PDB file of N, CA and C in Angstrom:
ATOM      1  N   MET A   1     122.104  94.071 209.328  1.00  0.00           N
ATOM      2  CA  MET A   1     121.449  92.987 208.635  1.00  0.00           C
ATOM      3  C   MET A   1     121.277  91.770 209.561  1.00  0.00           C
ATOM      4  N   LYS A   2     122.370  91.408 210.286  1.00  0.00           N
ATOM      5  CA  LYS A   2     122.280  90.271 211.201  1.00  0.00           C
ATOM      6  C   LYS A   2     121.269  90.543 212.315  1.00  0.00           C
ATOM      7  N   GLY A   3     121.167  91.760 212.745  1.00  0.00           N
ATOM      8  CA  GLY A   3     120.235  92.131 213.801  1.00  0.00           C
ATOM      9  C   GLY A   3     118.784  91.931 213.357  1.00  0.00           C
ATOM     10  N   LYS A   4     118.512  92.255 212.087  1.00  0.00           N
ATOM     11  CA  LYS A   4     117.151  92.075 211.571  1.00  0.00           C
ATOM     12  C   LYS A   4     116.801  90.592 211.461  1.00  0.00           C
ATOM     13  N   ILE A   5     117.751  89.781 211.027  1.00  0.00           N
ATOM     14  CA  ILE A   5     117.513  88.334 210.888  1.00  0.00           C
ATOM     15  C   ILE A   5     117.309  87.706 212.266  1.00  0.00           C
ATOM     16  N   ARG A   6     118.127  88.134 213.226  1.00  0.00           N
ATOM     17  CA  ARG A   6     117.999  87.606 214.581  1.00  0.00           C
ATOM     18  C   ARG A   6     116.642  88.006 215.183  1.00  0.00           C
ATOM     19  N   ARG A   7     116.242  89.271 214.982  1.00  0.00           N
ATOM     20  CA  ARG A   7     114.960  89.744 215.475  1.00  0.00           C
ATOM     21  C   ARG A   7     113.811  88.979 214.805  1.00  0.00           C
ATOM     22  N   LEU A   8     113.926  88.683 213.489  1.00  0.00           N
ATOM     23  CA  LEU A   8     112.912  87.922 212.758  1.00  0.00           C
ATOM     24  C   LEU A   8     112.825  86.486 213.291  1.00  0.00           C
ATOM     25  N   ASN A   9     113.967  85.873 213.578  1.00  0.00           N
ATOM     26  CA  ASN A   9     113.985  84.515 214.144  1.00  0.00           C
ATOM     27  C   ASN A   9     113.307  84.478 215.516  1.00  0.00           C
ATOM     28  N   HIS A  10     113.590  85.460 216.354  1.00  0.00           N
ATOM     29  CA  HIS A  10     112.958  85.528 217.673  1.00  0.00           C
ATOM     30  C   HIS A  10     111.449  85.696 217.544  1.00  0.00           C
ATOM     31  N   PHE A  11     111.043  86.565 216.620  1.00  0.00           N
ATOM     32  CA  PHE A  11     109.614  86.798 216.402  1.00  0.00           C
ATOM     33  C   PHE A  11     108.921  85.517 215.916  1.00  0.00           C
ATOM     34  N   LEU A  12     109.518  84.803 214.953  1.00  0.00           N
ATOM     35  CA  LEU A  12     108.930  83.553 214.449  1.00  0.00           C
ATOM     36  C   LEU A  12     108.865  82.487 215.542  1.00  0.00           C
ATOM     37  N   PHE A  13     109.908  82.398 216.342  1.00  0.00           N
ATOM     38  CA  PHE A  13     109.918  81.433 217.439  1.00  0.00           C
ATOM     39  C   PHE A  13     108.821  81.748 218.446  1.00  0.00           C
ATOM     40  N   LEU A  14     108.665  82.999 218.801  1.00  0.00           N
ATOM     41  CA  LEU A  14     107.629  83.417 219.736  1.00  0.00           C
ATOM     42  C   LEU A  14     106.236  83.168 219.149  1.00  0.00           C
ATOM     43  N   ALA A  15     106.066  83.443 217.871  1.00  0.00           N
ATOM     44  CA  ALA A  15     104.766  83.210 217.217  1.00  0.00           C
ATOM     45  C   ALA A  15     104.417  81.721 217.205  1.00  0.00           C
ATOM     46  N   MET A  16     105.404  80.844 216.954  1.00  0.00           N
ATOM     47  CA  MET A  16     105.143  79.399 216.956  1.00  0.00           C
ATOM     48  C   MET A  16     104.751  78.914 218.349  1.00  0.00           C
ATOM     49  N   ILE A  17     105.381  79.424 219.368  1.00  0.00           N
ATOM     50  CA  ILE A  17     105.046  79.030 220.738  1.00  0.00           C
ATOM     51  C   ILE A  17     103.628  79.462 221.085  1.00  0.00           C
ATOM     52  N   ILE A  18     103.258  80.674 220.701  1.00  0.00           N
ATOM     53  CA  ILE A  18     101.904  81.162 220.984  1.00  0.00           C
ATOM     54  C   ILE A  18     100.858  80.324 220.252  1.00  0.00           C
ATOM     55  N   VAL A  19     101.111  79.986 218.991  1.00  0.00           N
ATOM     56  CA  VAL A  19     100.178  79.135 218.224  1.00  0.00           C
ATOM     57  C   VAL A  19     100.083  77.753 218.854  1.00  0.00           C
ATOM     58  N   TYR A  20     101.180  77.185 219.270  1.00  0.00           N
ATOM     59  CA  TYR A  20     101.181  75.865 219.900  1.00  0.00           C
ATOM     60  C   TYR A  20     100.388  75.871 221.205  1.00  0.00           C
ATOM     61  N   ILE A  21     100.603  76.859 222.034  1.00  0.00           N
ATOM     62  CA  ILE A  21      99.911  76.943 223.323  1.00  0.00           C
ATOM     63  C   ILE A  21      98.420  77.159 223.130  1.00  0.00           C
ATOM     64  N   SER A  22      98.065  78.035 222.209  1.00  0.00           N
ATOM     65  CA  SER A  22      96.633  78.284 221.989  1.00  0.00           C
ATOM     66  C   SER A  22      95.949  77.066 221.379  1.00  0.00           C
ATOM     67  N   GLY A  23      96.634  76.286 220.581  1.00  0.00           N
ATOM     68  CA  GLY A  23      96.058  75.061 220.019  1.00  0.00           C
ATOM     69  C   GLY A  23      95.811  74.018 221.085  1.00  0.00           C
ATOM     70  N   CYS A  24      96.694  73.863 222.026  1.00  0.00           N
ATOM     71  CA  CYS A  24      96.539  72.870 223.098  1.00  0.00           C
ATOM     72  C   CYS A  24      95.393  73.228 224.034  1.00  0.00           C
ATOM     73  N   THR A  25      95.239  74.504 224.369  1.00  0.00           N
ATOM     74  CA  THR A  25      94.179  74.872 225.299  1.00  0.00           C
ATOM     75  C   THR A  25      92.812  74.718 224.672  1.00  0.00           C
ATOM     76  N   GLY A  26      92.672  74.875 223.382  1.00  0.00           N
ATOM     77  CA  GLY A  26      91.387  74.690 222.720  1.00  0.00           C
ATOM     78  C   GLY A  26      90.918  73.251 222.793  1.00  0.00           C
ATOM     79  N   GLN A  27      91.818  72.304 222.656  1.00  0.00           N
ATOM     80  CA  GLN A  27      91.451  70.889 222.728  1.00  0.00           C
ATOM     81  C   GLN A  27      91.071  70.484 224.142  1.00  0.00           C
ATOM     82  N   GLN A  28      91.708  71.056 225.138  1.00  0.00           N
ATOM     83  CA  GLN A  28      91.381  70.714 226.517  1.00  0.00           C
ATOM     84  C   GLN A  28      89.974  71.168 226.853  1.00  0.00           C
ATOM     85  N   ASN A  29      89.579  72.335 226.412  1.00  0.00           N
ATOM     86  CA  ASN A  29      88.234  72.828 226.685  1.00  0.00           C
ATOM     87  C   ASN A  29      87.192  71.981 225.972  1.00  0.00           C
ATOM     88  N   GLN A  30      87.490  71.547 224.772  1.00  0.00           N
ATOM     89  CA  GLN A  30      86.552  70.729 224.010  1.00  0.00           C
ATOM     90  C   GLN A  30      86.358  69.367 224.669  1.00  0.00           C
ATOM     91  N   SER A  31      87.435  68.737 225.120  1.00  0.00           N
ATOM     92  CA  SER A  31      87.307  67.435 225.762  1.00  0.00           C
ATOM     93  C   SER A  31      86.589  67.543 227.096  1.00  0.00           C
ATOM     94  N   ALA A  32      86.746  68.633 227.792  1.00  0.00           N
ATOM     95  CA  ALA A  32      86.042  68.826 229.057  1.00  0.00           C
ATOM     96  C   ALA A  32      84.546  68.956 228.816  1.00  0.00           C
ATOM     97  N   ASN A  33      84.150  69.599 227.743  1.00  0.00           N
ATOM     98  CA  ASN A  33      82.727  69.730 227.422  1.00  0.00           C
ATOM     99  C   ASN A  33      82.125  68.401 227.002  1.00  0.00           C
ATOM    100  N   ASP A  34      82.889  67.550 226.313  1.00  0.00           N
ATOM    101  CA  ASP A  34      82.389  66.245 225.881  1.00  0.00           C
ATOM    102  C   ASP A  34      82.085  65.337 227.065  1.00  0.00           C
ATOM    103  N   ASN A  35      82.855  65.439 228.130  1.00  0.00           N
ATOM    104  CA  ASN A  35      82.661  64.582 229.292  1.00  0.00           C
ATOM    105  C   ASN A  35      81.392  64.927 230.062  1.00  0.00           C
ATOM    106  N   ASN A  36      80.908  66.131 229.944  1.00  0.00           N
ATOM    107  CA  ASN A  36      79.702  66.529 230.653  1.00  0.00           C
ATOM    108  C   ASN A  36      78.457  65.839 230.110  1.00  0.00           C
ATOM    109  N   ASP A  37      78.495  65.390 228.850  1.00  0.00           N
ATOM    110  CA  ASP A  37      77.346  64.745 228.236  1.00  0.00           C
ATOM    111  C   ASP A  37      77.243  63.258 228.579  1.00  0.00           C
ATOM    112  N   THR A  38      78.253  62.691 229.192  1.00  0.00           N
ATOM    113  CA  THR A  38      78.280  61.276 229.499  1.00  0.00           C
ATOM    114  C   THR A  38      77.367  60.976 230.678  1.00  0.00           C
ATOM    115  N   ALA A  39      76.474  60.017 230.460  1.00  0.00           N
ATOM    116  CA  ALA A  39      75.570  59.607 231.536  1.00  0.00           C
ATOM    117  C   ALA A  39      76.063  58.280 232.107  1.00  0.00           C
ATOM    118  N   ILE A  40      76.231  58.220 233.388  1.00  0.00           N
ATOM    119  CA  ILE A  40      76.689  57.007 234.053  1.00  0.00           C
ATOM    120  C   ILE A  40      75.495  56.395 234.776  1.00  0.00           C
ATOM    121  N   VAL A  41      75.280  55.114 234.494  1.00  0.00           N
ATOM    122  CA  VAL A  41      74.162  54.411 235.099  1.00  0.00           C
ATOM    123  C   VAL A  41      74.721  53.295 235.963  1.00  0.00           C
ATOM    124  N   LYS A  42      74.301  53.232 237.203  1.00  0.00           N
ATOM    125  CA  LYS A  42      74.747  52.183 238.111  1.00  0.00           C
ATOM    126  C   LYS A  42      73.804  50.996 237.960  1.00  0.00           C
ATOM    127  N   VAL A  43      74.381  49.846 237.660  1.00  0.00           N
ATOM    128  CA  VAL A  43      73.603  48.635 237.469  1.00  0.00           C
ATOM    129  C   VAL A  43      73.922  47.679 238.611  1.00  0.00           C
ATOM    130  N   HIS A  44      72.886  47.167 239.264  1.00  0.00           N
ATOM    131  CA  HIS A  44      73.111  46.223 240.346  1.00  0.00           C
ATOM    132  C   HIS A  44      71.860  45.372 240.538  1.00  0.00           C
ATOM    133  N   THR A  45      72.025  44.292 241.238  1.00  0.00           N
ATOM    134  CA  THR A  45      70.905  43.435 241.600  1.00  0.00           C
ATOM    135  C   THR A  45      70.889  43.258 243.107  1.00  0.00           C
ATOM    136  N   SER A  46      69.755  42.834 243.601  1.00  0.00           N
ATOM    137  CA  SER A  46      69.666  42.645 245.047  1.00  0.00           C
ATOM    138  C   SER A  46      70.320  41.335 245.480  1.00  0.00           C
ATOM    139  N   LYS A  47      70.341  40.360 244.580  1.00  0.00           N
ATOM    140  CA  LYS A  47      71.021  39.102 244.904  1.00  0.00           C
ATOM    141  C   LYS A  47      71.925  38.711 243.736  1.00  0.00           C
ATOM    142  N   PRO A  48      73.067  38.094 244.013  1.00  0.00           N
ATOM    143  CA  PRO A  48      73.973  37.707 242.937  1.00  0.00           C
ATOM    144  C   PRO A  48      73.386  36.565 242.098  1.00  0.00           C
ATOM    145  N   ILE A  49      73.730  36.554 240.817  1.00  0.00           N
ATOM    146  CA  ILE A  49      73.263  35.516 239.904  1.00  0.00           C
ATOM    147  C   ILE A  49      74.322  34.429 239.821  1.00  0.00           C
ATOM    148  N   ASP A  50      73.896  33.195 239.926  1.00  0.00           N
ATOM    149  CA  ASP A  50      74.796  32.050 239.883  1.00  0.00           C
ATOM    150  C   ASP A  50      75.431  31.936 238.495  1.00  0.00           C
ATOM    151  N   GLN A  51      76.750  31.896 238.433  1.00  0.00           N
ATOM    152  CA  GLN A  51      77.483  31.870 237.172  1.00  0.00           C
ATOM    153  C   GLN A  51      78.011  30.487 236.806  1.00  0.00           C
ATOM    154  N   THR A  52      77.451  29.431 237.374  1.00  0.00           N
ATOM    155  CA  THR A  52      77.942  28.085 237.057  1.00  0.00           C
ATOM    156  C   THR A  52      77.698  27.724 235.603  1.00  0.00           C
ATOM    157  N   VAL A  53      76.588  28.178 235.032  1.00  0.00           N
ATOM    158  CA  VAL A  53      76.307  27.884 233.619  1.00  0.00           C
ATOM    159  C   VAL A  53      77.373  28.525 232.737  1.00  0.00           C
ATOM    160  N   ALA A  54      77.728  29.757 233.010  1.00  0.00           N
ATOM    161  CA  ALA A  54      78.761  30.441 232.232  1.00  0.00           C
ATOM    162  C   ALA A  54      80.113  29.756 232.404  1.00  0.00           C
ATOM    163  N   ASN A  55      80.437  29.344 233.612  1.00  0.00           N
ATOM    164  CA  ASN A  55      81.713  28.669 233.858  1.00  0.00           C
ATOM    165  C   ASN A  55      81.775  27.315 233.160  1.00  0.00           C
ATOM    166  N   GLN A  56      80.680  26.566 233.180  1.00  0.00           N
ATOM    167  CA  GLN A  56      80.647  25.282 232.484  1.00  0.00           C
ATOM    168  C   GLN A  56      80.759  25.472 230.975  1.00  0.00           C
ATOM    169  N   ALA A  57      80.097  26.497 230.451  1.00  0.00           N
ATOM    170  CA  ALA A  57      80.184  26.774 229.018  1.00  0.00           C
ATOM    171  C   ALA A  57      81.603  27.167 228.623  1.00  0.00           C
ATOM    172  N   LYS A  58      82.276  27.958 229.460  1.00  0.00           N
ATOM    173  CA  LYS A  58      83.664  28.345 229.185  1.00  0.00           C
ATOM    174  C   LYS A  58      84.570  27.121 229.141  1.00  0.00           C
ATOM    175  N   GLU A  59      84.401  26.211 230.094  1.00  0.00           N
ATOM    176  CA  GLU A  59      85.227  24.998 230.125  1.00  0.00           C
ATOM    177  C   GLU A  59      84.996  24.145 228.878  1.00  0.00           C
ATOM    178  N   LYS A  60      83.772  24.097 228.410  1.00  0.00           N
ATOM    179  CA  LYS A  60      83.442  23.299 227.229  1.00  0.00           C
ATOM    180  C   LYS A  60      84.005  23.937 225.962  1.00  0.00           C
ATOM    181  N   ILE A  61      83.932  25.250 225.853  1.00  0.00           N
ATOM    182  CA  ILE A  61      84.366  25.948 224.643  1.00  0.00           C
ATOM    183  C   ILE A  61      85.883  26.009 224.543  1.00  0.00           C
ATOM    184  N   ILE A  62      86.583  26.194 225.653  1.00  0.00           N
ATOM    185  CA  ILE A  62      88.038  26.345 225.615  1.00  0.00           C
ATOM    186  C   ILE A  62      88.727  25.060 225.153  1.00  0.00           C
ATOM    187  N   LYS A  63      88.026  23.943 225.203  1.00  0.00           N
ATOM    188  CA  LYS A  63      88.595  22.677 224.742  1.00  0.00           C
ATOM    189  C   LYS A  63      88.713  22.607 223.223  1.00  0.00           C
ATOM    190  N   GLU A  64      87.997  23.484 222.511  1.00  0.00           N
ATOM    191  CA  GLU A  64      88.092  23.525 221.050  1.00  0.00           C
ATOM    192  C   GLU A  64      89.506  23.921 220.644  1.00  0.00           C
ATOM    193  N   GLU A  65      89.999  23.325 219.577  1.00  0.00           N
ATOM    194  CA  GLU A  65      91.376  23.540 219.145  1.00  0.00           C
ATOM    195  C   GLU A  65      91.649  24.979 218.701  1.00  0.00           C
ATOM    196  N   GLU A  66      90.701  25.580 217.983  1.00  0.00           N
ATOM    197  CA  GLU A  66      90.939  26.909 217.420  1.00  0.00           C
ATOM    198  C   GLU A  66      90.648  28.059 218.385  1.00  0.00           C
ATOM    199  N   VAL A  67      90.077  27.781 219.540  1.00  0.00           N
ATOM    200  CA  VAL A  67      89.719  28.819 220.507  1.00  0.00           C
ATOM    201  C   VAL A  67      90.883  29.040 221.469  1.00  0.00           C
ATOM    202  N   SER A  68      91.285  30.319 221.631  1.00  0.00           N
ATOM    203  CA  SER A  68      92.396  30.610 222.535  1.00  0.00           C
ATOM    204  C   SER A  68      91.934  31.231 223.850  1.00  0.00           C
ATOM    205  N   ALA A  69      90.778  31.895 223.848  1.00  0.00           N
ATOM    206  CA  ALA A  69      90.274  32.500 225.082  1.00  0.00           C
ATOM    207  C   ALA A  69      88.758  32.618 225.025  1.00  0.00           C
ATOM    208  N   VAL A  70      88.135  32.538 226.199  1.00  0.00           N
ATOM    209  CA  VAL A  70      86.676  32.627 226.295  1.00  0.00           C
ATOM    210  C   VAL A  70      86.325  33.450 227.528  1.00  0.00           C
ATOM    211  N   LYS A  71      85.362  34.322 227.366  1.00  0.00           N
ATOM    212  CA  LYS A  71      84.755  35.043 228.483  1.00  0.00           C
ATOM    213  C   LYS A  71      83.262  34.772 228.404  1.00  0.00           C
ATOM    214  N   ALA A  72      82.623  34.498 229.506  1.00  0.00           N
ATOM    215  CA  ALA A  72      81.192  34.208 229.501  1.00  0.00           C
ATOM    216  C   ALA A  72      80.549  34.731 230.775  1.00  0.00           C
ATOM    217  N   VAL A  73      79.284  35.113 230.648  1.00  0.00           N
ATOM    218  CA  VAL A  73      78.494  35.578 231.771  1.00  0.00           C
ATOM    219  C   VAL A  73      77.041  35.214 231.470  1.00  0.00           C
ATOM    220  N   ASN A  74      76.285  34.967 232.512  1.00  0.00           N
ATOM    221  CA  ASN A  74      74.890  34.623 232.287  1.00  0.00           C
ATOM    222  C   ASN A  74      73.959  35.367 233.228  1.00  0.00           C
ATOM    223  N   THR A  75      72.728  35.538 232.751  1.00  0.00           N
ATOM    224  CA  THR A  75      71.643  36.001 233.590  1.00  0.00           C
ATOM    225  C   THR A  75      70.737  34.805 233.788  1.00  0.00           C
ATOM    226  N   ASP A  76      69.539  35.021 234.299  1.00  0.00           N
ATOM    227  CA  ASP A  76      68.658  33.879 234.466  1.00  0.00           C
ATOM    228  C   ASP A  76      68.026  33.440 233.148  1.00  0.00           C
ATOM    229  N   LYS A  77      68.181  34.221 232.057  1.00  0.00           N
ATOM    230  CA  LYS A  77      67.588  33.856 230.769  1.00  0.00           C
ATOM    231  C   LYS A  77      68.577  33.834 229.617  1.00  0.00           C
ATOM    232  N   GLU A  78      69.711  34.497 229.750  1.00  0.00           N
ATOM    233  CA  GLU A  78      70.654  34.618 228.640  1.00  0.00           C
ATOM    234  C   GLU A  78      72.061  34.200 229.044  1.00  0.00           C
ATOM    235  N   LEU A  79      72.801  33.720 228.053  1.00  0.00           N
ATOM    236  CA  LEU A  79      74.195  33.357 228.214  1.00  0.00           C
ATOM    237  C   LEU A  79      74.986  34.133 227.170  1.00  0.00           C
ATOM    238  N   LEU A  80      75.884  35.000 227.593  1.00  0.00           N
ATOM    239  CA  LEU A  80      76.666  35.852 226.711  1.00  0.00           C
ATOM    240  C   LEU A  80      78.105  35.366 226.718  1.00  0.00           C
ATOM    241  N   MET A  81      78.660  35.164 225.506  1.00  0.00           N
ATOM    242  CA  MET A  81      80.029  34.649 225.397  1.00  0.00           C
ATOM    243  C   MET A  81      80.842  35.503 224.436  1.00  0.00           C
ATOM    244  N   ALA A  82      82.102  35.673 224.750  1.00  0.00           N
ATOM    245  CA  ALA A  82      83.068  36.312 223.857  1.00  0.00           C
ATOM    246  C   ALA A  82      84.165  35.286 223.609  1.00  0.00           C
ATOM    247  N   ILE A  83      84.378  34.970 222.345  1.00  0.00           N
ATOM    248  CA  ILE A  83      85.310  33.908 221.974  1.00  0.00           C
ATOM    249  C   ILE A  83      86.448  34.510 221.173  1.00  0.00           C
ATOM    250  N   LYS A  84      87.687  34.195 221.551  1.00  0.00           N
ATOM    251  CA  LYS A  84      88.855  34.649 220.809  1.00  0.00           C
ATOM    252  C   LYS A  84      89.430  33.450 220.066  1.00  0.00           C
ATOM    253  N   VAL A  85      89.527  33.598 218.742  1.00  0.00           N
ATOM    254  CA  VAL A  85      90.023  32.524 217.892  1.00  0.00           C
ATOM    255  C   VAL A  85      91.507  32.739 217.645  1.00  0.00           C
ATOM    256  N   ASP A  86      92.283  31.645 217.602  1.00  0.00           N
ATOM    257  CA  ASP A  86      93.716  31.745 217.322  1.00  0.00           C
ATOM    258  C   ASP A  86      93.950  32.455 216.001  1.00  0.00           C
ATOM    259  N   GLN A  87      95.076  33.146 215.896  1.00  0.00           N
ATOM    260  CA  GLN A  87      95.396  33.907 214.696  1.00  0.00           C
ATOM    261  C   GLN A  87      95.467  32.999 213.472  1.00  0.00           C
ATOM    262  N   PHE A  88      96.007  31.822 213.610  1.00  0.00           N
ATOM    263  CA  PHE A  88      96.141  30.910 212.481  1.00  0.00           C
ATOM    264  C   PHE A  88      94.780  30.476 211.964  1.00  0.00           C
ATOM    265  N   HIS A  89      93.839  30.246 212.867  1.00  0.00           N
ATOM    266  CA  HIS A  89      92.520  29.764 212.484  1.00  0.00           C
ATOM    267  C   HIS A  89      91.540  30.897 212.186  1.00  0.00           C
ATOM    268  N   ARG A  90      91.936  32.103 212.431  1.00  0.00           N
ATOM    269  CA  ARG A  90      91.022  33.240 212.360  1.00  0.00           C
ATOM    270  C   ARG A  90      90.324  33.358 211.009  1.00  0.00           C
ATOM    271  N   PHE A  91      91.047  33.274 209.907  1.00  0.00           N
ATOM    272  CA  PHE A  91      90.459  33.478 208.598  1.00  0.00           C
ATOM    273  C   PHE A  91      89.763  32.222 208.081  1.00  0.00           C
ATOM    274  N   GLN A  92      90.289  31.067 208.413  1.00  0.00           N
ATOM    275  CA  GLN A  92      89.757  29.828 207.877  1.00  0.00           C
ATOM    276  C   GLN A  92      88.495  29.363 208.599  1.00  0.00           C
ATOM    277  N   LEU A  93      88.478  29.453 209.901  1.00  0.00           N
ATOM    278  CA  LEU A  93      87.433  28.802 210.682  1.00  0.00           C
ATOM    279  C   LEU A  93      86.552  29.744 211.492  1.00  0.00           C
ATOM    280  N   LYS A  94      86.653  31.031 211.274  1.00  0.00           N
ATOM    281  CA  LYS A  94      85.958  31.974 212.143  1.00  0.00           C
ATOM    282  C   LYS A  94      84.449  31.724 212.151  1.00  0.00           C
ATOM    283  N   LYS A  95      83.818  31.717 210.994  1.00  0.00           N
ATOM    284  CA  LYS A  95      82.370  31.526 210.940  1.00  0.00           C
ATOM    285  C   LYS A  95      81.990  30.095 211.316  1.00  0.00           C
ATOM    286  N   LYS A  96      82.776  29.144 210.857  1.00  0.00           N
ATOM    287  CA  LYS A  96      82.499  27.736 211.144  1.00  0.00           C
ATOM    288  C   LYS A  96      82.585  27.464 212.647  1.00  0.00           C
ATOM    289  N   SER A  97      83.645  27.933 213.284  1.00  0.00           N
ATOM    290  CA  SER A  97      83.813  27.669 214.711  1.00  0.00           C
ATOM    291  C   SER A  97      82.765  28.413 215.534  1.00  0.00           C
ATOM    292  N   LYS A  98      82.402  29.615 215.125  1.00  0.00           N
ATOM    293  CA  LYS A  98      81.374  30.363 215.844  1.00  0.00           C
ATOM    294  C   LYS A  98      80.043  29.621 215.782  1.00  0.00           C
ATOM    295  N   LYS A  99      79.708  29.108 214.606  1.00  0.00           N
ATOM    296  CA  LYS A  99      78.456  28.378 214.441  1.00  0.00           C
ATOM    297  C   LYS A  99      78.480  27.084 215.254  1.00  0.00           C
ATOM    298  N   ASN A 100      79.589  26.357 215.204  1.00  0.00           N
ATOM    299  CA  ASN A 100      79.707  25.102 215.951  1.00  0.00           C
ATOM    300  C   ASN A 100      79.606  25.328 217.452  1.00  0.00           C
ATOM    301  N   VAL A 101      80.294  26.327 217.950  1.00  0.00           N
ATOM    302  CA  VAL A 101      80.273  26.622 219.382  1.00  0.00           C
ATOM    303  C   VAL A 101      78.871  27.021 219.812  1.00  0.00           C
ATOM    304  N   LYS A 102      78.223  27.852 219.021  1.00  0.00           N
ATOM    305  CA  LYS A 102      76.880  28.314 219.378  1.00  0.00           C
ATOM    306  C   LYS A 102      75.890  27.154 219.399  1.00  0.00           C
ATOM    307  N   THR A 103      75.950  26.261 218.422  1.00  0.00           N
ATOM    308  CA  THR A 103      75.030  25.120 218.424  1.00  0.00           C
ATOM    309  C   THR A 103      75.321  24.174 219.585  1.00  0.00           C
ATOM    310  N   ASP A 104      76.606  23.969 219.901  1.00  0.00           N
ATOM    311  CA  ASP A 104      76.956  23.106 221.030  1.00  0.00           C
ATOM    312  C   ASP A 104      76.412  23.673 222.346  1.00  0.00           C
ATOM    313  N   VAL A 105      76.559  24.966 222.530  1.00  0.00           N
ATOM    314  CA  VAL A 105      76.093  25.601 223.761  1.00  0.00           C
ATOM    315  C   VAL A 105      74.561  25.582 223.820  1.00  0.00           C
ATOM    316  N   GLU A 106      73.909  25.827 222.691  1.00  0.00           N
ATOM    317  CA  GLU A 106      72.442  25.792 222.679  1.00  0.00           C
ATOM    318  C   GLU A 106      71.912  24.398 222.999  1.00  0.00           C
ATOM    319  N   LYS A 107      72.612  23.365 222.537  1.00  0.00           N
ATOM    320  CA  LYS A 107      72.208  21.991 222.865  1.00  0.00           C
ATOM    321  C   LYS A 107      72.430  21.693 224.353  1.00  0.00           C
ATOM    322  N   ALA A 108      73.544  22.168 224.878  1.00  0.00           N
ATOM    323  CA  ALA A 108      73.874  21.879 226.278  1.00  0.00           C
ATOM    324  C   ALA A 108      72.990  22.661 227.246  1.00  0.00           C
ATOM    325  N   TYR A 109      72.605  23.886 226.872  1.00  0.00           N
ATOM    326  CA  TYR A 109      71.807  24.741 227.755  1.00  0.00           C
ATOM    327  C   TYR A 109      70.591  25.274 226.995  1.00  0.00           C
ATOM    328  N   PRO A 110      69.578  24.446 226.794  1.00  0.00           N
ATOM    329  CA  PRO A 110      68.415  24.879 226.004  1.00  0.00           C
ATOM    330  C   PRO A 110      67.555  25.937 226.704  1.00  0.00           C
ATOM    331  N   ASP A 111      67.684  26.078 227.999  1.00  0.00           N
ATOM    332  CA  ASP A 111      66.879  27.063 228.731  1.00  0.00           C
ATOM    333  C   ASP A 111      67.411  28.494 228.565  1.00  0.00           C
ATOM    334  N   TYR A 112      68.636  28.640 228.068  1.00  0.00           N
ATOM    335  CA  TYR A 112      69.270  29.948 227.942  1.00  0.00           C
ATOM    336  C   TYR A 112      69.346  30.370 226.473  1.00  0.00           C
ATOM    337  N   LYS A 113      69.082  31.632 226.234  1.00  0.00           N
ATOM    338  CA  LYS A 113      69.288  32.202 224.902  1.00  0.00           C
ATOM    339  C   LYS A 113      70.766  32.556 224.837  1.00  0.00           C
ATOM    340  N   SER A 114      71.484  31.953 223.894  1.00  0.00           N
ATOM    341  CA  SER A 114      72.929  32.187 223.842  1.00  0.00           C
ATOM    342  C   SER A 114      73.268  33.237 222.805  1.00  0.00           C
ATOM    343  N   LEU A 115      74.117  34.164 223.224  1.00  0.00           N
ATOM    344  CA  LEU A 115      74.630  35.212 222.362  1.00  0.00           C
ATOM    345  C   LEU A 115      76.136  35.096 222.382  1.00  0.00           C
ATOM    346  N   SER A 116      76.739  35.092 221.201  1.00  0.00           N
ATOM    347  CA  SER A 116      78.200  34.971 221.169  1.00  0.00           C
ATOM    348  C   SER A 116      78.782  36.054 220.261  1.00  0.00           C
ATOM    349  N   PHE A 117      79.976  36.522 220.628  1.00  0.00           N
ATOM    350  CA  PHE A 117      80.683  37.539 219.866  1.00  0.00           C
ATOM    351  C   PHE A 117      82.129  37.108 219.695  1.00  0.00           C
ATOM    352  N   ASN A 118      82.697  37.434 218.565  1.00  0.00           N
ATOM    353  CA  ASN A 118      84.120  37.154 218.315  1.00  0.00           C
ATOM    354  C   ASN A 118      84.862  38.449 218.260  1.00  0.00           C
TER     355      ASN A 118
END
């Protein structure tokens, strides 16, 4: 009787290992196939774009009380900003501060189309 139980335990253990191994290899093959569909595009310019407008906008925005971090970049026509609002102010002032910052930047740099994200 003990021999049958021991043999059954060994068989179940071996079956679980085989199922585990076959499950892991299936996911690896699937992820390898997904990566083949990814298209990588190299983006570059022949001359660097001056980022003083983005740097000035960052300095102006970071002075706001509710803003904790700012990232900005510009092209010759657009100014793109990412603004991080403090956790305390996040729910109360998110839309208000985004609107205020965007209008301030548009007034300061009317030649640039400003896009902002929170």
